[in-house]
Amino acid sequence: MIAAQDAIATNAPDIKIRTAQTQDLNQLAEILTDSFHPPTGIMRWVSPILRLGIYEDLRNRLRSNSEHYLCLVAVSQASTATNYYEEIAGTVEIALRCPPSWQPQVSKYAYISNLAVSQSCRRQGVAKQLLLACDRTAKEWGFQELSLHVLENNHQARQLYLKTGYKLSQIEPSYGTSKLLRRPKRLFLQKNLTA
């Protein structure tokens, strides 16, 4: 388990980072769905189907037991007069990725995906703690760089990544990106872990 005191100072209440478990799947699917597909407008009707798909995808990844895949969760610990419980505040996945086929000279690299924080826990340092846990994991796996994608119009996430040491590596062409469709470009960011 990665303790919260290993992270930089934040205003997050007693947050611990641990590996995701099967019993976390419902909460994780809820957080991921709300973060990436907010249930507003027509999405309100599609949200349950998306949540089920996210649940199943995540369940399959957790079952894979790959040595270079990890789903981390940030949990806040709370208690009532009668019992103690954990509430999932956020999640992130880290895995190895193969480079695109047009870059055969590049070997596998450590890659972060699906960083999401529960709406009630945002702006409290939870995402920063999850990113720092990914830094430590990538180093343990023997990698000196960590990569991720972010959409060009996701200004809050971009700001977080830049503050935590990520730099723009390339702007990737997004097929179907046009002024008509108004799809944002994907930015490929990398962080040097040896600095």
N, C-alpha and C. Protein backbone atom coordinates (compact mmCIF):
# COMPACT_ATOMS: atom_id res chain seq x y z
N MET A 1 0.85 -1.17 0.00
CA MET A 1 0.00 0.00 0.00
C MET A 1 0.89 1.24 0.00
N ILE A 2 0.49 2.24 -0.70
CA ILE A 2 1.23 3.49 -0.77
C ILE A 2 0.54 4.47 0.15
N ALA A 3 1.25 4.96 1.13
CA ALA A 3 0.64 5.83 2.13
C ALA A 3 0.52 7.25 1.63
N ALA A 4 -0.46 7.95 2.15
CA ALA A 4 -0.68 9.34 1.75
C ALA A 4 0.47 10.23 2.18
N GLN A 5 1.17 9.89 3.26
CA GLN A 5 2.26 10.74 3.69
C GLN A 5 3.43 10.72 2.72
N ASP A 6 3.49 9.77 1.82
CA ASP A 6 4.52 9.74 0.78
C ASP A 6 4.26 10.79 -0.28
N ALA A 7 3.06 11.29 -0.34
CA ALA A 7 2.68 12.27 -1.35
C ALA A 7 3.04 13.67 -0.88
N ILE A 8 3.04 14.59 -1.81
CA ILE A 8 3.32 15.97 -1.44
C ILE A 8 2.13 16.53 -0.68
N ALA A 9 2.38 17.59 0.04
CA ALA A 9 1.33 18.16 0.88
C ALA A 9 0.12 18.59 0.04
N THR A 10 -1.04 18.19 0.47
CA THR A 10 -2.29 18.56 -0.18
C THR A 10 -3.31 18.85 0.89
N ASN A 11 -4.45 19.32 0.49
CA ASN A 11 -5.51 19.53 1.45
C ASN A 11 -6.50 18.36 1.46
N ALA A 12 -6.07 17.21 0.94
CA ALA A 12 -6.95 16.03 0.91
C ALA A 12 -7.02 15.43 2.31
N PRO A 13 -8.22 15.15 2.78
CA PRO A 13 -8.34 14.50 4.09
C PRO A 13 -7.84 13.07 3.99
N ASP A 14 -7.30 12.56 5.00
CA ASP A 14 -6.80 11.19 5.14
C ASP A 14 -7.05 10.28 3.94
N ILE A 15 -6.23 10.45 2.92
CA ILE A 15 -6.34 9.66 1.69
C ILE A 15 -5.24 8.60 1.68
N LYS A 16 -5.62 7.39 1.36
CA LYS A 16 -4.67 6.29 1.18
C LYS A 16 -4.80 5.80 -0.25
N ILE A 17 -3.67 5.37 -0.83
CA ILE A 17 -3.67 4.80 -2.17
C ILE A 17 -3.44 3.30 -2.04
N ARG A 18 -4.29 2.53 -2.69
CA ARG A 18 -4.13 1.08 -2.67
C ARG A 18 -4.52 0.50 -4.03
N THR A 19 -4.26 -0.77 -4.21
CA THR A 19 -4.63 -1.47 -5.43
C THR A 19 -6.13 -1.72 -5.44
N ALA A 20 -6.74 -1.56 -6.60
CA ALA A 20 -8.19 -1.80 -6.73
C ALA A 20 -8.50 -3.27 -6.50
N GLN A 21 -9.67 -3.49 -5.95
CA GLN A 21 -10.15 -4.84 -5.68
C GLN A 21 -11.50 -5.04 -6.35
N THR A 22 -11.89 -6.28 -6.50
CA THR A 22 -13.13 -6.60 -7.19
C THR A 22 -14.33 -5.88 -6.57
N GLN A 23 -14.35 -5.78 -5.26
CA GLN A 23 -15.50 -5.13 -4.61
C GLN A 23 -15.55 -3.62 -4.88
N ASP A 24 -14.52 -3.04 -5.47
CA ASP A 24 -14.49 -1.62 -5.81
C ASP A 24 -15.15 -1.33 -7.16
N LEU A 25 -15.43 -2.36 -7.95
CA LEU A 25 -15.85 -2.16 -9.34
C LEU A 25 -17.06 -1.25 -9.52
N ASN A 26 -18.06 -1.39 -8.69
CA ASN A 26 -19.25 -0.54 -8.85
C ASN A 26 -18.92 0.93 -8.65
N GLN A 27 -18.19 1.24 -7.59
CA GLN A 27 -17.83 2.64 -7.34
C GLN A 27 -16.90 3.17 -8.43
N LEU A 28 -15.96 2.35 -8.88
CA LEU A 28 -15.03 2.78 -9.93
C LEU A 28 -15.77 3.06 -11.23
N ALA A 29 -16.69 2.19 -11.60
CA ALA A 29 -17.47 2.40 -12.83
C ALA A 29 -18.28 3.68 -12.73
N GLU A 30 -18.81 3.96 -11.55
CA GLU A 30 -19.59 5.19 -11.34
C GLU A 30 -18.70 6.43 -11.50
N ILE A 31 -17.54 6.42 -10.87
CA ILE A 31 -16.61 7.56 -10.94
C ILE A 31 -16.13 7.77 -12.37
N LEU A 32 -15.76 6.70 -13.05
CA LEU A 32 -15.27 6.82 -14.44
C LEU A 32 -16.36 7.31 -15.38
N THR A 33 -17.56 6.78 -15.21
CA THR A 33 -18.67 7.21 -16.07
C THR A 33 -18.97 8.68 -15.86
N ASP A 34 -19.08 9.09 -14.61
CA ASP A 34 -19.39 10.50 -14.31
C ASP A 34 -18.28 11.44 -14.77
N SER A 35 -17.03 10.98 -14.72
CA SER A 35 -15.90 11.83 -15.13
C SER A 35 -15.79 11.98 -16.64
N PHE A 36 -15.94 10.88 -17.36
CA PHE A 36 -15.71 10.90 -18.80
C PHE A 36 -16.99 11.04 -19.63
N HIS A 37 -18.13 10.73 -19.04
CA HIS A 37 -19.41 10.82 -19.75
C HIS A 37 -20.47 11.38 -18.80
N PRO A 38 -20.35 12.64 -18.40
CA PRO A 38 -21.31 13.20 -17.43
C PRO A 38 -22.76 13.00 -17.88
N PRO A 39 -23.61 12.58 -16.95
CA PRO A 39 -25.01 12.29 -17.30
C PRO A 39 -25.86 13.55 -17.43
N THR A 40 -25.57 14.33 -18.46
CA THR A 40 -26.37 15.52 -18.73
C THR A 40 -27.00 15.37 -20.11
N GLY A 41 -28.15 15.97 -20.27
CA GLY A 41 -28.83 15.90 -21.56
C GLY A 41 -29.13 14.47 -21.95
N ILE A 42 -28.84 14.15 -23.21
CA ILE A 42 -29.12 12.80 -23.72
C ILE A 42 -28.24 11.74 -23.07
N MET A 43 -27.07 12.18 -22.56
CA MET A 43 -26.16 11.23 -21.91
C MET A 43 -26.80 10.60 -20.67
N ARG A 44 -27.79 11.26 -20.10
CA ARG A 44 -28.49 10.71 -18.95
C ARG A 44 -29.12 9.37 -19.29
N TRP A 45 -29.59 9.23 -20.52
CA TRP A 45 -30.24 7.99 -20.93
C TRP A 45 -29.23 6.91 -21.31
N VAL A 46 -28.09 7.33 -21.79
CA VAL A 46 -27.06 6.39 -22.24
C VAL A 46 -26.13 5.99 -21.10
N SER A 47 -26.11 6.77 -20.05
CA SER A 47 -25.18 6.57 -18.94
C SER A 47 -25.19 5.17 -18.34
N PRO A 48 -26.34 4.55 -18.09
CA PRO A 48 -26.31 3.19 -17.53
C PRO A 48 -25.63 2.17 -18.44
N ILE A 49 -25.80 2.33 -19.74
CA ILE A 49 -25.15 1.40 -20.68
C ILE A 49 -23.65 1.63 -20.68
N LEU A 50 -23.24 2.89 -20.68
CA LEU A 50 -21.81 3.21 -20.62
C LEU A 50 -21.20 2.69 -19.33
N ARG A 51 -21.89 2.87 -18.22
CA ARG A 51 -21.40 2.41 -16.92
C ARG A 51 -21.19 0.90 -16.93
N LEU A 52 -22.13 0.17 -17.52
CA LEU A 52 -22.00 -1.29 -17.59
C LEU A 52 -20.78 -1.67 -18.43
N GLY A 53 -20.58 -1.00 -19.56
CA GLY A 53 -19.42 -1.28 -20.41
C GLY A 53 -18.11 -0.99 -19.69
N ILE A 54 -18.06 0.12 -18.98
CA ILE A 54 -16.86 0.48 -18.21
C ILE A 54 -16.62 -0.55 -17.11
N TYR A 55 -17.67 -0.95 -16.43
CA TYR A 55 -17.57 -1.97 -15.38
C TYR A 55 -16.96 -3.26 -15.94
N GLU A 56 -17.50 -3.74 -17.06
CA GLU A 56 -17.01 -5.00 -17.65
C GLU A 56 -15.57 -4.89 -18.14
N ASP A 57 -15.24 -3.77 -18.79
CA ASP A 57 -13.86 -3.58 -19.26
C ASP A 57 -12.88 -3.58 -18.08
N LEU A 58 -13.22 -2.85 -17.04
CA LEU A 58 -12.35 -2.78 -15.88
C LEU A 58 -12.25 -4.13 -15.17
N ARG A 59 -13.37 -4.82 -15.08
CA ARG A 59 -13.37 -6.16 -14.46
C ARG A 59 -12.43 -7.10 -15.21
N ASN A 60 -12.47 -7.06 -16.54
CA ASN A 60 -11.58 -7.91 -17.33
C ASN A 60 -10.11 -7.53 -17.13
N ARG A 61 -9.82 -6.24 -17.05
CA ARG A 61 -8.42 -5.82 -16.82
C ARG A 61 -7.94 -6.25 -15.43
N LEU A 62 -8.80 -6.12 -14.43
CA LEU A 62 -8.41 -6.54 -13.07
C LEU A 62 -8.18 -8.05 -13.00
N ARG A 63 -8.94 -8.81 -13.75
CA ARG A 63 -8.79 -10.28 -13.76
C ARG A 63 -7.56 -10.75 -14.53
N SER A 64 -7.02 -9.90 -15.39
CA SER A 64 -5.94 -10.33 -16.28
C SER A 64 -4.67 -10.71 -15.54
N ASN A 65 -4.46 -10.20 -14.35
CA ASN A 65 -3.26 -10.51 -13.56
C ASN A 65 -1.97 -10.25 -14.33
N SER A 66 -1.96 -9.27 -15.20
CA SER A 66 -0.75 -8.90 -15.91
C SER A 66 0.24 -8.31 -14.91
N GLU A 67 1.50 -8.66 -15.04
CA GLU A 67 2.50 -8.16 -14.09
C GLU A 67 2.78 -6.67 -14.27
N HIS A 68 2.44 -6.13 -15.43
CA HIS A 68 2.65 -4.71 -15.67
C HIS A 68 1.33 -3.99 -15.97
N TYR A 69 0.37 -4.25 -15.11
CA TYR A 69 -0.89 -3.50 -15.13
C TYR A 69 -1.30 -3.32 -13.68
N LEU A 70 -1.75 -2.11 -13.37
CA LEU A 70 -2.18 -1.84 -12.01
C LEU A 70 -3.28 -0.78 -12.04
N CYS A 71 -4.34 -1.06 -11.33
CA CYS A 71 -5.40 -0.07 -11.13
C CYS A 71 -5.29 0.36 -9.68
N LEU A 72 -5.07 1.64 -9.47
CA LEU A 72 -4.95 2.18 -8.12
C LEU A 72 -6.20 2.96 -7.76
N VAL A 73 -6.53 2.96 -6.48
CA VAL A 73 -7.65 3.75 -5.99
C VAL A 73 -7.17 4.59 -4.82
N ALA A 74 -7.72 5.79 -4.75
CA ALA A 74 -7.52 6.65 -3.60
C ALA A 74 -8.76 6.50 -2.74
N VAL A 75 -8.58 6.16 -1.49
CA VAL A 75 -9.72 5.98 -0.60
C VAL A 75 -9.63 6.95 0.56
N SER A 76 -10.77 7.51 0.90
CA SER A 76 -10.84 8.32 2.11
C SER A 76 -11.47 7.43 3.17
N GLN A 77 -10.92 7.53 4.33
CA GLN A 77 -11.41 6.67 5.40
C GLN A 77 -12.27 7.49 6.35
N ALA A 78 -13.39 6.92 6.70
CA ALA A 78 -14.32 7.63 7.57
C ALA A 78 -14.94 6.62 8.53
N SER A 79 -15.55 7.15 9.56
CA SER A 79 -16.23 6.27 10.50
C SER A 79 -17.47 6.96 11.03
N THR A 80 -18.37 6.13 11.43
CA THR A 80 -19.56 6.61 12.11
C THR A 80 -19.46 6.10 13.54
N ALA A 81 -20.45 6.35 14.32
CA ALA A 81 -20.43 5.90 15.71
C ALA A 81 -20.38 4.37 15.79
N THR A 82 -20.90 3.70 14.76
CA THR A 82 -20.98 2.24 14.83
C THR A 82 -20.04 1.48 13.90
N ASN A 83 -19.53 2.12 12.83
CA ASN A 83 -18.63 1.36 11.95
C ASN A 83 -17.67 2.26 11.18
N TYR A 84 -16.71 1.61 10.56
CA TYR A 84 -15.65 2.25 9.79
C TYR A 84 -15.84 1.86 8.33
N TYR A 85 -15.60 2.79 7.41
CA TYR A 85 -15.76 2.45 6.00
C TYR A 85 -14.80 3.28 5.14
N GLU A 86 -14.59 2.79 3.92
CA GLU A 86 -13.77 3.49 2.93
C GLU A 86 -14.67 3.97 1.81
N GLU A 87 -14.39 5.18 1.36
CA GLU A 87 -15.09 5.70 0.19
C GLU A 87 -14.04 5.96 -0.88
N ILE A 88 -14.30 5.49 -2.10
CA ILE A 88 -13.33 5.69 -3.17
C ILE A 88 -13.42 7.14 -3.65
N ALA A 89 -12.27 7.81 -3.58
CA ALA A 89 -12.20 9.22 -3.97
C ALA A 89 -11.73 9.38 -5.41
N GLY A 90 -10.96 8.40 -5.92
CA GLY A 90 -10.45 8.50 -7.28
C GLY A 90 -9.74 7.23 -7.71
N THR A 91 -9.36 7.20 -8.97
CA THR A 91 -8.72 6.02 -9.53
C THR A 91 -7.80 6.41 -10.69
N VAL A 92 -6.86 5.53 -10.99
CA VAL A 92 -5.98 5.68 -12.15
C VAL A 92 -5.46 4.29 -12.51
N GLU A 93 -5.15 4.12 -13.78
CA GLU A 93 -4.56 2.85 -14.23
C GLU A 93 -3.19 3.13 -14.82
N ILE A 94 -2.27 2.22 -14.60
CA ILE A 94 -0.94 2.30 -15.19
C ILE A 94 -0.63 0.93 -15.80
N ALA A 95 -0.07 0.94 -17.00
CA ALA A 95 0.24 -0.30 -17.70
C ALA A 95 1.38 -0.04 -18.68
N LEU A 96 1.85 -1.09 -19.30
CA LEU A 96 2.83 -0.95 -20.37
C LEU A 96 2.07 -0.90 -21.68
N ARG A 97 2.54 -0.06 -22.56
CA ARG A 97 1.94 0.08 -23.89
C ARG A 97 2.99 -0.19 -24.95
N CYS A 98 2.53 -0.74 -26.06
CA CYS A 98 3.40 -0.91 -27.23
C CYS A 98 3.32 0.35 -28.07
N PRO A 99 4.42 0.73 -28.69
CA PRO A 99 4.39 1.92 -29.55
C PRO A 99 3.58 1.66 -30.81
N PRO A 100 3.16 2.73 -31.49
CA PRO A 100 2.45 2.55 -32.77
C PRO A 100 3.33 1.81 -33.77
N SER A 101 2.71 1.14 -34.70
CA SER A 101 3.44 0.32 -35.67
C SER A 101 4.43 1.12 -36.51
N TRP A 102 4.20 2.44 -36.67
CA TRP A 102 5.13 3.23 -37.47
C TRP A 102 6.36 3.66 -36.67
N GLN A 103 6.43 3.27 -35.38
CA GLN A 103 7.60 3.57 -34.56
C GLN A 103 8.19 2.29 -33.99
N PRO A 104 8.65 1.36 -34.84
CA PRO A 104 9.12 0.07 -34.34
C PRO A 104 10.38 0.16 -33.48
N GLN A 105 11.14 1.26 -33.59
CA GLN A 105 12.37 1.39 -32.83
C GLN A 105 12.11 1.72 -31.36
N VAL A 106 10.89 2.12 -31.03
CA VAL A 106 10.54 2.47 -29.66
C VAL A 106 10.05 1.21 -28.95
N SER A 107 10.56 0.98 -27.73
CA SER A 107 10.11 -0.19 -26.98
C SER A 107 8.89 0.16 -26.13
N LYS A 108 8.40 -0.81 -25.39
CA LYS A 108 7.23 -0.58 -24.55
C LYS A 108 7.51 0.55 -23.58
N TYR A 109 6.43 1.24 -23.18
CA TYR A 109 6.59 2.36 -22.25
C TYR A 109 5.47 2.34 -21.21
N ALA A 110 5.75 2.96 -20.06
CA ALA A 110 4.76 3.05 -18.98
C ALA A 110 3.76 4.14 -19.33
N TYR A 111 2.49 3.81 -19.16
CA TYR A 111 1.42 4.69 -19.64
C TYR A 111 0.30 4.77 -18.60
N ILE A 112 -0.16 5.98 -18.35
CA ILE A 112 -1.26 6.24 -17.42
C ILE A 112 -2.54 6.44 -18.20
N SER A 113 -3.64 5.89 -17.67
CA SER A 113 -4.95 6.12 -18.29
C SER A 113 -6.02 6.18 -17.21
N ASN A 114 -7.17 6.69 -17.60
CA ASN A 114 -8.37 6.68 -16.77
C ASN A 114 -8.19 7.31 -15.38
N LEU A 115 -7.48 8.43 -15.32
CA LEU A 115 -7.40 9.17 -14.07
C LEU A 115 -8.74 9.88 -13.87
N ALA A 116 -9.40 9.56 -12.77
CA ALA A 116 -10.71 10.15 -12.50
C ALA A 116 -10.87 10.32 -10.99
N VAL A 117 -11.50 11.41 -10.61
CA VAL A 117 -11.74 11.70 -9.20
C VAL A 117 -13.23 11.94 -9.00
N SER A 118 -13.75 11.40 -7.94
CA SER A 118 -15.16 11.59 -7.59
C SER A 118 -15.45 13.09 -7.48
N GLN A 119 -16.59 13.48 -7.95
CA GLN A 119 -16.94 14.90 -7.99
C GLN A 119 -16.83 15.55 -6.61
N SER A 120 -17.20 14.84 -5.56
CA SER A 120 -17.15 15.41 -4.21
C SER A 120 -15.73 15.55 -3.66
N CYS A 121 -14.76 14.94 -4.32
CA CYS A 121 -13.37 14.97 -3.83
C CYS A 121 -12.43 15.77 -4.73
N ARG A 122 -12.96 16.43 -5.75
CA ARG A 122 -12.10 17.17 -6.67
C ARG A 122 -11.52 18.41 -6.00
N ARG A 123 -10.37 18.85 -6.53
CA ARG A 123 -9.66 20.05 -6.07
C ARG A 123 -9.16 19.89 -4.64
N GLN A 124 -8.86 18.64 -4.24
CA GLN A 124 -8.35 18.36 -2.90
C GLN A 124 -7.02 17.64 -2.91
N GLY A 125 -6.40 17.49 -4.08
CA GLY A 125 -5.10 16.84 -4.17
C GLY A 125 -5.14 15.34 -4.42
N VAL A 126 -6.31 14.78 -4.63
CA VAL A 126 -6.44 13.33 -4.84
C VAL A 126 -5.75 12.91 -6.13
N ALA A 127 -6.00 13.63 -7.23
CA ALA A 127 -5.38 13.28 -8.52
C ALA A 127 -3.86 13.36 -8.43
N LYS A 128 -3.36 14.36 -7.75
CA LYS A 128 -1.91 14.53 -7.59
C LYS A 128 -1.30 13.33 -6.86
N GLN A 129 -1.99 12.87 -5.81
CA GLN A 129 -1.50 11.70 -5.07
C GLN A 129 -1.52 10.45 -5.95
N LEU A 130 -2.55 10.29 -6.76
CA LEU A 130 -2.61 9.13 -7.66
C LEU A 130 -1.47 9.20 -8.68
N LEU A 131 -1.19 10.38 -9.22
CA LEU A 131 -0.10 10.54 -10.18
C LEU A 131 1.25 10.22 -9.54
N LEU A 132 1.46 10.66 -8.31
CA LEU A 132 2.71 10.36 -7.62
C LEU A 132 2.86 8.85 -7.37
N ALA A 133 1.75 8.18 -7.09
CA ALA A 133 1.80 6.73 -6.92
C ALA A 133 2.18 6.05 -8.24
N CYS A 134 1.72 6.59 -9.36
CA CYS A 134 2.10 6.06 -10.67
C CYS A 134 3.58 6.29 -10.94
N ASP A 135 4.10 7.44 -10.53
CA ASP A 135 5.54 7.70 -10.66
C ASP A 135 6.34 6.60 -9.96
N ARG A 136 5.96 6.31 -8.71
CA ARG A 136 6.69 5.28 -7.95
C ARG A 136 6.56 3.91 -8.60
N THR A 137 5.36 3.59 -9.09
CA THR A 137 5.15 2.29 -9.74
C THR A 137 6.01 2.15 -10.99
N ALA A 138 6.03 3.18 -11.83
CA ALA A 138 6.84 3.14 -13.06
C ALA A 138 8.31 2.95 -12.72
N LYS A 139 8.80 3.62 -11.69
CA LYS A 139 10.20 3.46 -11.27
C LYS A 139 10.46 2.04 -10.80
N GLU A 140 9.52 1.49 -10.02
CA GLU A 140 9.66 0.10 -9.55
C GLU A 140 9.73 -0.87 -10.72
N TRP A 141 9.01 -0.57 -11.80
CA TRP A 141 9.02 -1.42 -12.99
C TRP A 141 10.27 -1.19 -13.83
N GLY A 142 11.10 -0.21 -13.47
CA GLY A 142 12.34 0.04 -14.18
C GLY A 142 12.23 1.06 -15.31
N PHE A 143 11.21 1.90 -15.29
CA PHE A 143 11.03 2.90 -16.34
C PHE A 143 11.43 4.28 -15.84
N GLN A 144 11.98 5.08 -16.74
CA GLN A 144 12.42 6.42 -16.37
C GLN A 144 11.54 7.50 -16.98
N GLU A 145 10.51 7.07 -17.70
CA GLU A 145 9.54 8.00 -18.26
C GLU A 145 8.15 7.44 -18.07
N LEU A 146 7.20 8.36 -18.02
CA LEU A 146 5.80 8.01 -17.89
C LEU A 146 5.04 8.83 -18.91
N SER A 147 4.06 8.24 -19.57
CA SER A 147 3.34 8.91 -20.65
C SER A 147 1.84 8.86 -20.41
N LEU A 148 1.14 9.78 -21.06
CA LEU A 148 -0.32 9.80 -21.00
C LEU A 148 -0.85 10.66 -22.14
N HIS A 149 -2.13 10.54 -22.39
CA HIS A 149 -2.83 11.40 -23.35
C HIS A 149 -3.82 12.27 -22.59
N VAL A 150 -4.04 13.45 -23.11
CA VAL A 150 -5.06 14.34 -22.59
C VAL A 150 -5.67 15.08 -23.78
N LEU A 151 -6.95 15.34 -23.70
CA LEU A 151 -7.60 16.09 -24.77
C LEU A 151 -7.22 17.56 -24.66
N GLU A 152 -7.03 18.15 -25.78
CA GLU A 152 -6.60 19.55 -25.88
C GLU A 152 -7.54 20.49 -25.12
N ASN A 153 -8.82 20.20 -25.07
CA ASN A 153 -9.77 21.09 -24.41
C ASN A 153 -10.00 20.77 -22.93
N ASN A 154 -9.27 19.81 -22.39
CA ASN A 154 -9.39 19.47 -20.97
C ASN A 154 -8.37 20.30 -20.19
N HIS A 155 -8.70 21.57 -19.99
CA HIS A 155 -7.76 22.54 -19.44
C HIS A 155 -7.36 22.22 -18.00
N GLN A 156 -8.28 21.75 -17.18
CA GLN A 156 -7.94 21.43 -15.79
C GLN A 156 -6.96 20.27 -15.72
N ALA A 157 -7.19 19.24 -16.50
CA ALA A 157 -6.28 18.09 -16.50
C ALA A 157 -4.92 18.50 -17.05
N ARG A 158 -4.90 19.28 -18.11
CA ARG A 158 -3.63 19.74 -18.68
C ARG A 158 -2.84 20.52 -17.65
N GLN A 159 -3.50 21.40 -16.93
CA GLN A 159 -2.83 22.20 -15.91
C GLN A 159 -2.25 21.30 -14.82
N LEU A 160 -3.00 20.31 -14.38
CA LEU A 160 -2.52 19.36 -13.37
C LEU A 160 -1.28 18.63 -13.87
N TYR A 161 -1.33 18.12 -15.09
CA TYR A 161 -0.20 17.37 -15.62
C TYR A 161 1.04 18.24 -15.76
N LEU A 162 0.87 19.46 -16.22
CA LEU A 162 2.02 20.36 -16.35
C LEU A 162 2.61 20.69 -14.99
N LYS A 163 1.77 20.89 -13.98
CA LYS A 163 2.25 21.18 -12.63
C LYS A 163 3.01 20.00 -12.03
N THR A 164 2.67 18.79 -12.43
CA THR A 164 3.31 17.60 -11.87
C THR A 164 4.47 17.10 -12.73
N GLY A 165 4.92 17.92 -13.69
CA GLY A 165 6.15 17.59 -14.40
C GLY A 165 6.01 17.04 -15.80
N TYR A 166 4.80 16.91 -16.31
CA TYR A 166 4.61 16.40 -17.67
C TYR A 166 4.87 17.51 -18.68
N LYS A 167 5.41 17.12 -19.83
CA LYS A 167 5.68 18.06 -20.91
C LYS A 167 5.06 17.53 -22.20
N LEU A 168 4.62 18.45 -23.04
CA LEU A 168 4.04 18.07 -24.32
C LEU A 168 5.10 17.40 -25.18
N SER A 169 4.79 16.21 -25.64
CA SER A 169 5.71 15.48 -26.51
C SER A 169 5.27 15.60 -27.97
N GLN A 170 3.96 15.46 -28.20
CA GLN A 170 3.45 15.64 -29.56
C GLN A 170 1.94 15.85 -29.56
N ILE A 171 1.48 16.51 -30.59
CA ILE A 171 0.05 16.66 -30.82
C ILE A 171 -0.30 15.62 -31.87
N GLU A 172 -1.17 14.71 -31.49
CA GLU A 172 -1.47 13.59 -32.38
C GLU A 172 -2.63 13.91 -33.30
N PRO A 173 -2.50 13.49 -34.54
CA PRO A 173 -3.62 13.69 -35.45
C PRO A 173 -4.79 12.84 -34.98
N SER A 174 -5.94 13.40 -34.99
CA SER A 174 -7.14 12.68 -34.60
C SER A 174 -8.01 12.54 -35.83
N TYR A 175 -8.10 11.33 -36.32
CA TYR A 175 -8.91 11.10 -37.51
C TYR A 175 -10.35 11.46 -37.20
N GLY A 176 -10.95 12.18 -38.08
CA GLY A 176 -12.30 12.65 -37.85
C GLY A 176 -12.32 14.03 -37.23
N THR A 177 -11.12 14.54 -36.87
CA THR A 177 -11.06 15.89 -36.32
C THR A 177 -11.30 16.87 -37.46
N SER A 178 -12.28 17.65 -37.29
CA SER A 178 -12.57 18.68 -38.29
C SER A 178 -13.33 19.79 -37.60
N LYS A 179 -13.42 20.90 -38.25
CA LYS A 179 -14.17 22.01 -37.67
C LYS A 179 -15.65 21.66 -37.59
N LEU A 180 -16.10 20.82 -38.50
CA LEU A 180 -17.50 20.42 -38.50
C LEU A 180 -17.83 19.56 -37.27
N LEU A 181 -16.98 18.55 -36.98
CA LEU A 181 -17.22 17.65 -35.85
C LEU A 181 -16.75 18.26 -34.52
N ARG A 182 -15.83 19.20 -34.56
CA ARG A 182 -15.31 19.88 -33.38
C ARG A 182 -14.75 18.91 -32.36
N ARG A 183 -14.02 17.90 -32.78
CA ARG A 183 -13.38 16.98 -31.86
C ARG A 183 -12.03 17.55 -31.46
N PRO A 184 -11.72 17.55 -30.17
CA PRO A 184 -10.43 18.08 -29.74
C PRO A 184 -9.28 17.14 -30.10
N LYS A 185 -8.11 17.72 -30.28
CA LYS A 185 -6.91 16.92 -30.56
C LYS A 185 -6.45 16.24 -29.28
N ARG A 186 -5.73 15.12 -29.47
CA ARG A 186 -5.13 14.42 -28.34
C ARG A 186 -3.69 14.87 -28.20
N LEU A 187 -3.33 15.22 -26.98
CA LEU A 187 -1.97 15.63 -26.69
C LEU A 187 -1.27 14.48 -25.98
N PHE A 188 -0.07 14.15 -26.43
CA PHE A 188 0.73 13.10 -25.82
C PHE A 188 1.75 13.77 -24.93
N LEU A 189 1.64 13.52 -23.61
CA LEU A 189 2.53 14.13 -22.64
C LEU A 189 3.45 13.07 -22.04
N GLN A 190 4.66 13.50 -21.69
CA GLN A 190 5.61 12.60 -21.06
C GLN A 190 6.27 13.28 -19.87
N LYS A 191 6.66 12.47 -18.90
CA LYS A 191 7.34 12.98 -17.71
C LYS A 191 8.62 12.19 -17.53
N ASN A 192 9.72 12.88 -17.34
CA ASN A 192 10.99 12.26 -17.04
C ASN A 192 11.04 12.02 -15.53
N LEU A 193 11.16 10.77 -15.13
CA LEU A 193 11.12 10.41 -13.70
C LEU A 193 12.49 10.52 -13.03
N THR A 194 13.52 10.75 -13.80
CA THR A 194 14.86 10.85 -13.21
C THR A 194 15.21 12.26 -12.79
N ALA A 195 14.44 13.22 -13.23
CA ALA A 195 14.74 14.63 -12.91
C ALA A 195 14.43 14.91 -11.45
